[in-house]
Structure formats: C-alpha cells, structure tokens
C-alpha cells in the first residue's frame, strides 16, 4: 500500500485506521513522492496493490484508476467520517496584518469565493464541467470526481482542535496545541458573508 509521506492524507489515513482498531504499524506502507499521478502509474505497473487515495478519495486520481479498471471505490475507511479529522482538509487563511488592515478586502474575497463555489455547485453536471475545464481532465473522469465531491463545507474550531489533538497523539506535534487554536481561528468573516 502506498502513501505520500508527510502529507495530510497520511494523517487522515493514520487517524482513520486507528479509530477502526487497525494496527497501523503492521501495514506494509511504501512512500511515493509527488502528486497522485505517480500512484496511478505504480498501480498500472503492478508495483502496488493500493494507494491511500482509495481510503480517502484523493481525486481525481481515484476516479482515474477506476476509469482504467485498476480499482473500485472503497468507503469503509473514509476519512471524512473520522472523529479526529472530519470532512475538511483545506482552508483559506489570512495573516493577522491582512485581517486587521484589509479586513473588508478579505471579506470581499471570501464572498466572491463562496459565490463562485455556489455557481459551480448548482448541479453535479455544472461541477463536472467546471472540473474538466479548469483541470483539463477527461469529461468522464471529471464526472466521477464531481459525483463524489461536495463543496461548501466549513471547517469548525472544534474540528481544528480535534486535528491538533490527534497530530499530538500520533507524534507529529511535540505538544498538544488544541487549546491555543481559538486565538487563531476567526469565523466572523465567513459568517458575515454567508447567506
């Protein structure tokens, strides 16, 4: 089984298998550098049986492997169901200087982002068209990606704190910083533009 070392997907996978009472230390893990394409190529060559994208839905590479008949969609160890990780991986961040000195500009950026996200999320077909046009993916792969994707999920303070605790438990962070998260997490901007 292959995973990208040090990537957030490793953390998501490790947390998910731990919650499922699977001994992570007994798994035969191979580290592959780079984006998802090297994982698909390793499967095409028969170098690996599985890459962690099958557990977490690393798109578009999961859909590419499915389209090529190399894999099937597996949801038993879906990281979005993990108590420690949840559905969100990324976030939009701003520096303290930007929040203090350019708050209205940041607010307008977040508003424009949410409006664009709402437009492409109007239907799965609209989302697939956007994915294909922005990434150059084959239309069939873009449809597979869109079918499994939901945009406009918001990261919560509780989720960030749970992730920080889990990072500490797994040894990624030297100390538990979850109690410090509230001072860095400002949800007021998104709340002010969400309608």
N, C-alpha and C. Protein backbone atom coordinates (compact mmCIF):
# COMPACT_ATOMS: atom_id res chain seq x y z
N UNK A 1 0.84 -1.15 0.00
CA UNK A 1 0.00 0.00 0.00
C UNK A 1 0.90 1.22 0.00
N UNK A 2 0.52 2.25 -0.76
CA UNK A 2 1.37 3.42 -0.91
C UNK A 2 0.69 4.67 -0.35
N UNK A 3 1.52 5.57 0.13
CA UNK A 3 1.04 6.85 0.65
C UNK A 3 2.11 7.90 0.41
N UNK A 4 1.68 9.14 0.30
CA UNK A 4 2.63 10.24 0.16
C UNK A 4 3.13 10.61 1.55
N UNK A 5 4.43 10.50 1.80
CA UNK A 5 4.95 10.74 3.16
C UNK A 5 4.80 12.19 3.59
N UNK A 6 4.39 12.37 4.82
CA UNK A 6 4.29 13.71 5.39
C UNK A 6 3.11 14.52 4.91
N UNK A 7 2.30 13.97 4.07
CA UNK A 7 1.15 14.68 3.53
C UNK A 7 -0.02 14.59 4.50
N UNK A 8 -0.96 15.49 4.35
CA UNK A 8 -2.14 15.47 5.20
C UNK A 8 -2.91 14.16 5.03
N UNK A 9 -2.83 13.56 3.83
CA UNK A 9 -3.54 12.29 3.63
C UNK A 9 -2.98 11.19 4.52
N UNK A 10 -1.68 11.26 4.81
CA UNK A 10 -1.13 10.27 5.75
C UNK A 10 -1.80 10.42 7.10
N UNK A 11 -1.90 11.66 7.57
CA UNK A 11 -2.52 11.91 8.87
C UNK A 11 -3.96 11.41 8.87
N UNK A 12 -4.69 11.72 7.82
CA UNK A 12 -6.09 11.30 7.74
C UNK A 12 -6.20 9.78 7.76
N UNK A 13 -5.35 9.13 6.99
CA UNK A 13 -5.37 7.67 6.94
C UNK A 13 -5.00 7.07 8.29
N UNK A 14 -3.92 7.57 8.90
CA UNK A 14 -3.48 7.03 10.19
C UNK A 14 -4.56 7.19 11.25
N UNK A 15 -5.21 8.34 11.28
CA UNK A 15 -6.28 8.56 12.27
C UNK A 15 -7.45 7.62 12.01
N UNK A 16 -7.81 7.44 10.75
CA UNK A 16 -8.96 6.60 10.40
C UNK A 16 -8.71 5.14 10.75
N UNK A 17 -7.55 4.59 10.39
CA UNK A 17 -7.29 3.18 10.71
C UNK A 17 -7.17 2.97 12.21
N UNK A 18 -6.62 3.95 12.92
CA UNK A 18 -6.51 3.84 14.37
C UNK A 18 -7.90 3.78 14.99
N UNK A 19 -8.81 4.64 14.53
CA UNK A 19 -10.18 4.63 15.04
C UNK A 19 -10.90 3.32 14.72
N UNK A 20 -10.49 2.67 13.62
CA UNK A 20 -11.11 1.41 13.22
C UNK A 20 -10.43 0.21 13.88
N UNK A 21 -9.53 0.47 14.84
CA UNK A 21 -8.80 -0.57 15.56
C UNK A 21 -7.93 -1.44 14.66
N UNK A 22 -7.37 -0.81 13.62
CA UNK A 22 -6.42 -1.50 12.74
C UNK A 22 -5.02 -1.07 13.19
N UNK A 23 -4.12 -2.02 13.32
CA UNK A 23 -2.77 -1.73 13.78
C UNK A 23 -1.96 -1.12 12.63
N UNK A 24 -1.80 0.20 12.66
CA UNK A 24 -1.08 0.90 11.60
C UNK A 24 0.34 0.36 11.44
N UNK A 25 1.00 0.02 12.53
CA UNK A 25 2.38 -0.47 12.49
C UNK A 25 2.54 -1.78 11.75
N UNK A 26 1.47 -2.53 11.58
CA UNK A 26 1.56 -3.82 10.87
C UNK A 26 1.30 -3.70 9.38
N UNK A 27 0.93 -2.51 8.92
CA UNK A 27 0.67 -2.31 7.49
C UNK A 27 1.99 -2.17 6.74
N UNK A 28 2.03 -2.69 5.52
CA UNK A 28 3.22 -2.58 4.68
C UNK A 28 3.07 -1.33 3.81
N UNK A 29 3.65 -0.23 4.29
CA UNK A 29 3.50 1.07 3.64
C UNK A 29 4.72 1.38 2.78
N UNK A 30 4.47 1.84 1.55
CA UNK A 30 5.51 2.31 0.64
C UNK A 30 5.27 3.80 0.43
N UNK A 31 6.31 4.60 0.60
CA UNK A 31 6.18 6.04 0.38
C UNK A 31 6.47 6.37 -1.08
N UNK A 32 5.59 7.17 -1.68
CA UNK A 32 5.78 7.63 -3.05
C UNK A 32 5.71 9.15 -3.03
N UNK A 33 6.73 9.79 -3.59
CA UNK A 33 6.77 11.25 -3.64
C UNK A 33 5.93 11.75 -4.81
N UNK A 34 5.47 12.98 -4.69
CA UNK A 34 4.77 13.62 -5.79
C UNK A 34 3.27 13.57 -5.64
N UNK A 35 2.59 14.05 -6.65
CA UNK A 35 1.14 14.07 -6.65
C UNK A 35 0.57 12.69 -6.90
N UNK A 36 -0.70 12.64 -7.20
CA UNK A 36 -1.39 11.37 -7.35
C UNK A 36 -1.03 10.56 -8.59
N UNK A 37 -0.55 11.23 -9.64
CA UNK A 37 -0.24 10.51 -10.88
C UNK A 37 0.81 9.42 -10.69
N UNK A 38 1.88 9.63 -9.92
CA UNK A 38 2.83 8.53 -9.70
C UNK A 38 2.18 7.31 -9.02
N UNK A 39 1.14 7.53 -8.22
CA UNK A 39 0.43 6.42 -7.59
C UNK A 39 -0.34 5.61 -8.64
N UNK A 40 -1.01 6.32 -9.54
CA UNK A 40 -1.75 5.64 -10.61
C UNK A 40 -0.77 4.87 -11.49
N UNK A 41 0.36 5.47 -11.82
CA UNK A 41 1.37 4.79 -12.64
C UNK A 41 1.92 3.55 -11.94
N UNK A 42 2.13 3.63 -10.62
CA UNK A 42 2.61 2.47 -9.86
C UNK A 42 1.58 1.35 -9.89
N UNK A 43 0.30 1.69 -9.86
CA UNK A 43 -0.74 0.66 -9.96
C UNK A 43 -0.76 0.06 -11.36
N UNK A 44 -0.60 0.91 -12.39
CA UNK A 44 -0.58 0.41 -13.76
C UNK A 44 0.55 -0.59 -13.96
N UNK A 45 1.69 -0.35 -13.35
CA UNK A 45 2.85 -1.26 -13.47
C UNK A 45 2.72 -2.47 -12.56
N UNK A 46 1.81 -2.44 -11.59
CA UNK A 46 1.68 -3.54 -10.64
C UNK A 46 2.63 -3.44 -9.46
N UNK A 47 3.23 -2.27 -9.28
CA UNK A 47 4.17 -2.07 -8.16
C UNK A 47 3.47 -2.06 -6.81
N UNK A 48 2.25 -1.58 -6.79
CA UNK A 48 1.48 -1.51 -5.54
C UNK A 48 0.08 -2.06 -5.79
N UNK A 49 -0.54 -2.52 -4.72
CA UNK A 49 -1.90 -3.03 -4.81
C UNK A 49 -2.92 -1.96 -4.49
N UNK A 50 -2.49 -0.95 -3.75
CA UNK A 50 -3.43 0.01 -3.21
C UNK A 50 -2.70 1.28 -2.86
N UNK A 51 -3.34 2.42 -3.12
CA UNK A 51 -2.77 3.64 -2.55
C UNK A 51 -3.82 4.29 -1.69
N UNK A 52 -3.36 5.13 -0.79
CA UNK A 52 -4.22 5.62 0.27
C UNK A 52 -5.38 6.43 -0.27
N UNK A 53 -5.30 6.91 -1.48
CA UNK A 53 -6.44 7.60 -2.09
C UNK A 53 -7.70 6.76 -2.07
N UNK A 54 -7.55 5.43 -2.05
CA UNK A 54 -8.74 4.58 -2.01
C UNK A 54 -9.46 4.69 -0.67
N UNK A 55 -8.73 5.08 0.35
CA UNK A 55 -9.36 5.24 1.65
C UNK A 55 -9.95 6.63 1.83
N UNK A 56 -9.40 7.61 1.14
CA UNK A 56 -9.81 8.97 1.43
C UNK A 56 -10.38 9.71 0.24
N UNK A 57 -10.41 9.11 -0.92
CA UNK A 57 -10.98 9.79 -2.08
C UNK A 57 -10.08 10.89 -2.61
N UNK A 58 -8.81 10.59 -2.86
CA UNK A 58 -7.88 11.58 -3.39
C UNK A 58 -8.19 11.76 -4.86
N UNK A 59 -8.98 12.75 -5.16
CA UNK A 59 -9.42 12.99 -6.53
C UNK A 59 -8.48 13.97 -7.23
N UNK A 60 -8.33 13.82 -8.54
CA UNK A 60 -9.05 12.97 -9.48
C UNK A 60 -8.44 11.59 -9.66
N UNK A 61 -7.40 11.28 -8.88
CA UNK A 61 -6.62 10.07 -9.13
C UNK A 61 -7.42 8.80 -8.83
N UNK A 62 -8.28 8.86 -7.82
CA UNK A 62 -9.13 7.70 -7.54
C UNK A 62 -10.02 7.41 -8.74
N UNK A 63 -10.66 8.45 -9.28
CA UNK A 63 -11.55 8.25 -10.42
C UNK A 63 -10.78 7.82 -11.66
N UNK A 64 -9.56 8.31 -11.84
CA UNK A 64 -8.75 7.88 -12.98
C UNK A 64 -8.47 6.38 -12.91
N UNK A 65 -8.10 5.89 -11.73
CA UNK A 65 -7.82 4.46 -11.56
C UNK A 65 -9.08 3.63 -11.77
N UNK A 66 -10.21 4.13 -11.31
CA UNK A 66 -11.48 3.42 -11.51
C UNK A 66 -11.81 3.36 -13.00
N UNK A 67 -11.66 4.48 -13.70
CA UNK A 67 -11.94 4.54 -15.14
C UNK A 67 -11.05 3.56 -15.92
N UNK A 68 -9.83 3.34 -15.44
CA UNK A 68 -8.89 2.44 -16.11
C UNK A 68 -9.07 0.98 -15.69
N UNK A 69 -10.02 0.72 -14.79
CA UNK A 69 -10.26 -0.64 -14.33
C UNK A 69 -9.23 -1.15 -13.34
N UNK A 70 -8.47 -0.24 -12.73
CA UNK A 70 -7.44 -0.64 -11.77
C UNK A 70 -7.98 -0.74 -10.35
N UNK A 71 -9.14 -0.15 -10.10
CA UNK A 71 -9.61 -0.05 -8.72
C UNK A 71 -11.13 0.10 -8.68
N UNK A 72 -11.66 0.11 -7.48
CA UNK A 72 -13.07 0.39 -7.24
C UNK A 72 -13.15 1.33 -6.05
N UNK A 73 -14.25 2.02 -5.96
CA UNK A 73 -14.42 2.98 -4.87
C UNK A 73 -14.67 2.25 -3.57
N UNK A 74 -13.92 2.61 -2.56
CA UNK A 74 -13.98 1.97 -1.25
C UNK A 74 -14.32 3.05 -0.23
N UNK A 75 -15.33 2.82 0.59
CA UNK A 75 -15.76 3.86 1.52
C UNK A 75 -15.70 3.45 2.99
N UNK A 76 -15.30 2.23 3.28
CA UNK A 76 -15.31 1.75 4.66
C UNK A 76 -14.41 2.60 5.55
N UNK A 77 -13.24 2.98 5.05
CA UNK A 77 -12.31 3.79 5.84
C UNK A 77 -12.25 5.22 5.32
N UNK A 78 -13.39 5.80 5.04
CA UNK A 78 -13.49 7.17 4.54
C UNK A 78 -13.08 8.14 5.64
N UNK A 79 -12.03 8.94 5.39
CA UNK A 79 -11.52 9.83 6.43
C UNK A 79 -12.53 10.88 6.87
N UNK A 80 -13.47 11.23 6.01
CA UNK A 80 -14.43 12.27 6.38
C UNK A 80 -15.33 11.83 7.52
N UNK A 81 -15.31 10.54 7.82
CA UNK A 81 -16.10 10.03 8.94
C UNK A 81 -15.27 9.91 10.21
N UNK A 82 -14.00 10.24 10.13
CA UNK A 82 -13.11 10.13 11.29
C UNK A 82 -13.43 11.21 12.32
N UNK A 83 -13.48 10.83 13.58
CA UNK A 83 -13.73 11.81 14.64
C UNK A 83 -12.57 12.80 14.74
N UNK A 84 -11.37 12.36 14.46
CA UNK A 84 -10.19 13.22 14.60
C UNK A 84 -9.97 14.14 13.42
N UNK A 85 -10.46 13.78 12.26
CA UNK A 85 -10.15 14.54 11.06
C UNK A 85 -11.37 15.25 10.50
N UNK A 86 -12.44 14.52 10.25
CA UNK A 86 -13.61 15.14 9.65
C UNK A 86 -13.46 15.30 8.16
N UNK A 87 -14.42 15.98 7.57
CA UNK A 87 -14.52 16.05 6.12
C UNK A 87 -13.58 17.07 5.48
N UNK A 88 -13.12 18.03 6.22
CA UNK A 88 -12.35 19.12 5.62
C UNK A 88 -10.86 18.91 5.76
N UNK A 89 -10.16 19.29 4.73
CA UNK A 89 -8.71 19.19 4.74
C UNK A 89 -8.08 20.57 4.59
N UNK A 90 -8.60 21.37 3.69
CA UNK A 90 -8.01 22.67 3.40
C UNK A 90 -8.80 23.81 4.00
N UNK A 91 -8.17 24.95 4.00
CA UNK A 91 -8.85 26.14 4.49
C UNK A 91 -8.23 27.36 3.84
N UNK A 92 -8.97 28.45 3.85
CA UNK A 92 -8.45 29.73 3.40
C UNK A 92 -7.96 30.46 4.63
N UNK A 93 -6.74 30.93 4.59
CA UNK A 93 -6.17 31.62 5.74
C UNK A 93 -5.74 33.02 5.37
N UNK A 94 -5.65 33.87 6.36
CA UNK A 94 -5.17 35.24 6.16
C UNK A 94 -4.27 35.60 7.34
N UNK A 95 -3.30 36.44 7.07
CA UNK A 95 -2.40 36.87 8.15
C UNK A 95 -3.13 37.83 9.08
N UNK A 96 -2.61 37.99 10.27
CA UNK A 96 -3.19 38.95 11.23
C UNK A 96 -3.18 40.35 10.63
N UNK A 97 -2.08 40.71 9.91
CA UNK A 97 -1.98 42.04 9.30
C UNK A 97 -3.10 42.24 8.27
N UNK A 98 -3.40 41.22 7.47
CA UNK A 98 -4.48 41.34 6.49
C UNK A 98 -5.83 41.45 7.18
N UNK A 99 -6.04 40.67 8.22
CA UNK A 99 -7.32 40.76 8.94
C UNK A 99 -7.50 42.11 9.61
N UNK A 100 -6.42 42.66 10.15
CA UNK A 100 -6.51 43.95 10.84
C UNK A 100 -6.54 45.13 9.87
N UNK A 101 -5.71 45.09 8.82
CA UNK A 101 -5.58 46.25 7.94
C UNK A 101 -6.39 46.19 6.66
N UNK A 102 -6.79 44.99 6.25
CA UNK A 102 -7.51 44.85 4.97
C UNK A 102 -8.73 43.95 5.14
N UNK A 103 -9.38 44.07 6.26
CA UNK A 103 -10.49 43.17 6.60
C UNK A 103 -11.59 43.17 5.53
N UNK A 104 -11.95 44.35 5.03
CA UNK A 104 -13.01 44.41 4.02
C UNK A 104 -12.57 43.72 2.73
N UNK A 105 -11.31 43.85 2.35
CA UNK A 105 -10.81 43.16 1.15
C UNK A 105 -10.86 41.65 1.35
N UNK A 106 -10.47 41.18 2.53
CA UNK A 106 -10.54 39.74 2.83
C UNK A 106 -11.99 39.28 2.80
N UNK A 107 -12.88 40.08 3.39
CA UNK A 107 -14.31 39.73 3.41
C UNK A 107 -14.85 39.62 1.98
N UNK A 108 -14.48 40.55 1.12
CA UNK A 108 -14.96 40.52 -0.27
C UNK A 108 -14.38 39.32 -1.03
N UNK A 109 -13.13 38.98 -0.75
CA UNK A 109 -12.53 37.80 -1.37
C UNK A 109 -13.30 36.54 -0.96
N UNK A 110 -13.58 36.41 0.32
CA UNK A 110 -14.33 35.24 0.81
C UNK A 110 -15.72 35.22 0.19
N UNK A 111 -16.36 36.37 0.10
CA UNK A 111 -17.69 36.45 -0.52
C UNK A 111 -17.63 35.99 -1.98
N UNK A 112 -16.66 36.51 -2.75
CA UNK A 112 -16.53 36.12 -4.16
C UNK A 112 -16.24 34.63 -4.29
N UNK A 113 -15.40 34.10 -3.41
CA UNK A 113 -15.09 32.67 -3.42
C UNK A 113 -16.35 31.84 -3.20
N UNK A 114 -17.13 32.22 -2.20
CA UNK A 114 -18.36 31.47 -1.91
C UNK A 114 -19.37 31.57 -3.04
N UNK A 115 -19.46 32.73 -3.68
CA UNK A 115 -20.37 32.89 -4.82
C UNK A 115 -19.96 31.98 -5.98
N UNK A 116 -18.66 31.96 -6.29
CA UNK A 116 -18.17 31.09 -7.36
C UNK A 116 -18.41 29.63 -7.01
N UNK A 117 -18.16 29.28 -5.77
CA UNK A 117 -18.38 27.91 -5.31
C UNK A 117 -19.85 27.52 -5.44
N UNK A 118 -20.74 28.42 -5.09
CA UNK A 118 -22.18 28.15 -5.22
C UNK A 118 -22.58 27.96 -6.67
N UNK A 119 -21.99 28.77 -7.59
CA UNK A 119 -22.32 28.64 -9.01
C UNK A 119 -21.91 27.27 -9.55
N UNK A 120 -20.68 26.84 -9.26
CA UNK A 120 -20.24 25.56 -9.81
C UNK A 120 -20.88 24.38 -9.09
N UNK A 121 -21.46 24.61 -7.93
CA UNK A 121 -22.11 23.54 -7.18
C UNK A 121 -23.61 23.45 -7.46
N UNK A 122 -24.09 24.22 -8.42
CA UNK A 122 -25.53 24.24 -8.71
C UNK A 122 -26.05 22.85 -9.05
N UNK A 123 -25.22 22.05 -9.72
CA UNK A 123 -25.59 20.67 -10.05
C UNK A 123 -24.30 19.88 -10.23
N UNK A 124 -24.42 18.57 -10.20
CA UNK A 124 -23.24 17.73 -10.40
C UNK A 124 -22.68 17.92 -11.82
N UNK A 125 -23.57 18.15 -12.79
CA UNK A 125 -23.12 18.37 -14.16
C UNK A 125 -22.34 19.68 -14.28
N UNK A 126 -22.83 20.74 -13.62
CA UNK A 126 -22.12 22.02 -13.63
C UNK A 126 -20.76 21.87 -12.97
N UNK A 127 -20.71 21.14 -11.87
CA UNK A 127 -19.44 20.91 -11.18
C UNK A 127 -18.48 20.11 -12.07
N UNK A 128 -18.99 19.08 -12.74
CA UNK A 128 -18.15 18.27 -13.63
C UNK A 128 -17.59 19.12 -14.77
N UNK A 129 -18.41 19.98 -15.35
CA UNK A 129 -17.96 20.85 -16.43
C UNK A 129 -16.86 21.79 -15.93
N UNK A 130 -17.04 22.34 -14.74
CA UNK A 130 -16.03 23.24 -14.17
C UNK A 130 -14.72 22.48 -13.91
N UNK A 131 -14.82 21.29 -13.35
CA UNK A 131 -13.62 20.49 -13.07
C UNK A 131 -12.88 20.18 -14.36
N UNK A 132 -13.61 19.75 -15.39
CA UNK A 132 -12.98 19.42 -16.67
C UNK A 132 -12.32 20.65 -17.30
N UNK A 133 -13.00 21.80 -17.26
CA UNK A 133 -12.43 22.98 -17.91
C UNK A 133 -11.25 23.56 -17.13
N UNK A 134 -11.26 23.50 -15.83
CA UNK A 134 -10.18 24.08 -15.03
C UNK A 134 -8.97 23.17 -14.91
N UNK A 135 -9.18 21.85 -15.00
CA UNK A 135 -8.06 20.93 -14.79
C UNK A 135 -7.59 20.24 -16.06
N UNK A 136 -8.42 20.23 -17.10
CA UNK A 136 -8.07 19.52 -18.31
C UNK A 136 -8.36 18.03 -18.23
N UNK A 137 -9.03 17.60 -17.17
CA UNK A 137 -9.38 16.19 -17.03
C UNK A 137 -10.35 15.75 -18.10
N UNK A 138 -10.28 14.49 -18.46
CA UNK A 138 -11.25 13.89 -19.35
C UNK A 138 -12.64 14.06 -18.74
N UNK A 139 -13.65 14.30 -19.58
CA UNK A 139 -15.01 14.55 -19.10
C UNK A 139 -15.54 13.42 -18.23
N UNK A 140 -15.26 12.17 -18.61
CA UNK A 140 -15.75 11.03 -17.82
C UNK A 140 -15.13 11.02 -16.42
N UNK A 141 -13.84 11.33 -16.34
CA UNK A 141 -13.17 11.39 -15.03
C UNK A 141 -13.72 12.56 -14.23
N UNK A 142 -13.91 13.70 -14.88
CA UNK A 142 -14.46 14.88 -14.19
C UNK A 142 -15.84 14.58 -13.62
N UNK A 143 -16.65 13.81 -14.36
CA UNK A 143 -17.99 13.44 -13.85
C UNK A 143 -17.87 12.56 -12.61
N UNK A 144 -16.94 11.61 -12.63
CA UNK A 144 -16.72 10.74 -11.46
C UNK A 144 -16.30 11.57 -10.24
N UNK A 145 -15.39 12.50 -10.46
CA UNK A 145 -14.92 13.36 -9.37
C UNK A 145 -16.09 14.17 -8.82
N UNK A 146 -16.84 14.81 -9.70
CA UNK A 146 -17.96 15.66 -9.27
C UNK A 146 -19.02 14.86 -8.54
N UNK A 147 -19.23 13.62 -8.97
CA UNK A 147 -20.27 12.80 -8.35
C UNK A 147 -19.99 12.55 -6.87
N UNK A 148 -18.71 12.48 -6.49
CA UNK A 148 -18.35 12.18 -5.10
C UNK A 148 -17.99 13.42 -4.29
N UNK A 149 -17.98 14.59 -4.94
CA UNK A 149 -17.49 15.79 -4.28
C UNK A 149 -18.63 16.70 -3.83
N UNK A 150 -18.47 17.27 -2.65
CA UNK A 150 -19.39 18.28 -2.16
C UNK A 150 -18.57 19.48 -1.74
N UNK A 151 -18.86 20.62 -2.35
CA UNK A 151 -18.18 21.85 -1.97
C UNK A 151 -19.01 22.58 -0.92
N UNK A 152 -18.38 23.52 -0.23
CA UNK A 152 -19.02 24.39 0.76
C UNK A 152 -19.28 23.67 2.07
N UNK A 153 -18.27 23.03 2.53
CA UNK A 153 -18.28 22.50 3.88
C UNK A 153 -17.31 23.38 4.65
N UNK A 154 -17.68 23.83 5.81
CA UNK A 154 -16.83 24.76 6.55
C UNK A 154 -16.14 24.08 7.72
N UNK A 155 -14.87 24.36 7.84
CA UNK A 155 -14.07 23.84 8.94
C UNK A 155 -14.47 24.56 10.22
N UNK A 156 -14.64 23.82 11.28
CA UNK A 156 -15.03 24.41 12.56
C UNK A 156 -13.85 24.44 13.52
N UNK A 157 -13.96 25.27 14.53
CA UNK A 157 -12.93 25.33 15.56
C UNK A 157 -12.79 23.97 16.25
N UNK A 158 -13.92 23.33 16.55
CA UNK A 158 -13.87 22.02 17.21
C UNK A 158 -13.11 21.01 16.36
N UNK A 159 -13.28 21.07 15.05
CA UNK A 159 -12.59 20.14 14.16
C UNK A 159 -11.08 20.42 14.14
N UNK A 160 -10.70 21.68 14.10
CA UNK A 160 -9.27 22.03 14.13
C UNK A 160 -8.65 21.57 15.45
N UNK A 161 -9.37 21.75 16.54
CA UNK A 161 -8.85 21.32 17.84
C UNK A 161 -8.70 19.80 17.89
N UNK A 162 -9.68 19.08 17.32
CA UNK A 162 -9.59 17.61 17.29
C UNK A 162 -8.39 17.17 16.45
N UNK A 163 -8.14 17.85 15.33
CA UNK A 163 -7.00 17.52 14.50
C UNK A 163 -5.69 17.78 15.24
N UNK A 164 -5.60 18.90 15.94
CA UNK A 164 -4.38 19.22 16.69
C UNK A 164 -4.12 18.16 17.76
N UNK A 165 -5.17 17.73 18.46
CA UNK A 165 -5.01 16.69 19.48
C UNK A 165 -4.51 15.39 18.85
N UNK A 166 -5.08 15.05 17.68
CA UNK A 166 -4.70 13.81 17.01
C UNK A 166 -3.27 13.89 16.48
N UNK A 167 -2.88 15.04 15.93
CA UNK A 167 -1.50 15.22 15.48
C UNK A 167 -0.54 15.01 16.65
N UNK A 168 -0.90 15.51 17.82
CA UNK A 168 -0.05 15.32 19.00
C UNK A 168 -0.02 13.84 19.39
N UNK A 169 -1.16 13.20 19.42
CA UNK A 169 -1.24 11.78 19.80
C UNK A 169 -0.40 10.91 18.87
N UNK A 170 -0.40 11.26 17.57
CA UNK A 170 0.36 10.48 16.59
C UNK A 170 1.84 10.86 16.57
N UNK A 171 2.24 11.86 17.36
CA UNK A 171 3.64 12.24 17.43
C UNK A 171 4.08 13.26 16.40
N UNK A 172 3.15 13.81 15.63
CA UNK A 172 3.51 14.81 14.62
C UNK A 172 3.81 16.15 15.30
N UNK A 173 3.01 16.51 16.30
CA UNK A 173 3.24 17.71 17.10
C UNK A 173 3.86 17.31 18.43
N UNK A 174 4.85 18.05 18.87
CA UNK A 174 5.51 17.71 20.13
C UNK A 174 4.63 17.95 21.34
N UNK A 175 3.70 18.89 21.23
CA UNK A 175 2.78 19.13 22.34
C UNK A 175 1.38 19.38 21.79
N UNK A 176 0.40 19.20 22.63
CA UNK A 176 -1.00 19.42 22.25
C UNK A 176 -1.28 20.92 22.24
N UNK A 177 -1.53 21.47 21.06
CA UNK A 177 -1.79 22.91 20.92
C UNK A 177 -3.27 23.22 20.71
N UNK A 178 -4.12 22.24 20.93
CA UNK A 178 -5.55 22.42 20.65
C UNK A 178 -6.16 23.58 21.43
N UNK A 179 -5.73 23.79 22.67
CA UNK A 179 -6.29 24.88 23.49
C UNK A 179 -5.89 26.26 22.96
N UNK A 180 -4.84 26.32 22.15
CA UNK A 180 -4.38 27.60 21.60
C UNK A 180 -5.12 27.98 20.31
N UNK A 181 -5.84 27.07 19.72
CA UNK A 181 -6.46 27.31 18.42
C UNK A 181 -7.46 28.47 18.40
N UNK A 182 -8.27 28.69 19.43
CA UNK A 182 -9.27 29.76 19.34
C UNK A 182 -8.68 31.14 19.01
N UNK A 183 -7.47 31.42 19.47
CA UNK A 183 -6.89 32.74 19.20
C UNK A 183 -6.50 32.92 17.73
N UNK A 184 -6.40 31.81 16.98
CA UNK A 184 -6.03 31.88 15.58
C UNK A 184 -7.19 31.61 14.63
N UNK A 185 -8.33 31.31 15.15
CA UNK A 185 -9.47 30.89 14.32
C UNK A 185 -10.55 31.96 14.38
N UNK A 186 -10.70 32.72 13.30
CA UNK A 186 -11.69 33.79 13.23
C UNK A 186 -12.76 33.39 12.22
N UNK A 187 -13.92 33.07 12.71
CA UNK A 187 -15.02 32.62 11.86
C UNK A 187 -15.97 33.76 11.51
N UNK A 188 -15.67 34.98 11.97
CA UNK A 188 -16.61 36.09 11.78
C UNK A 188 -16.73 36.53 10.32
N UNK A 189 -15.66 36.45 9.55
CA UNK A 189 -15.74 36.90 8.16
C UNK A 189 -16.67 36.00 7.36
N UNK A 190 -16.48 34.70 7.44
CA UNK A 190 -17.36 33.82 6.68
C UNK A 190 -18.80 33.94 7.16
N UNK A 191 -18.99 34.13 8.45
CA UNK A 191 -20.35 34.31 8.98
C UNK A 191 -20.98 35.59 8.44
N UNK A 192 -20.18 36.62 8.20
CA UNK A 192 -20.72 37.90 7.72
C UNK A 192 -21.13 37.88 6.25
N UNK A 193 -20.59 36.95 5.47
CA UNK A 193 -20.90 36.91 4.03
C UNK A 193 -21.79 35.74 3.64
N UNK A 194 -21.98 34.82 4.52
CA UNK A 194 -22.81 33.66 4.21
C UNK A 194 -24.28 34.05 4.25
N UNK A 195 -25.00 33.63 3.24
CA UNK A 195 -26.43 33.99 3.18
C UNK A 195 -27.27 32.78 2.98
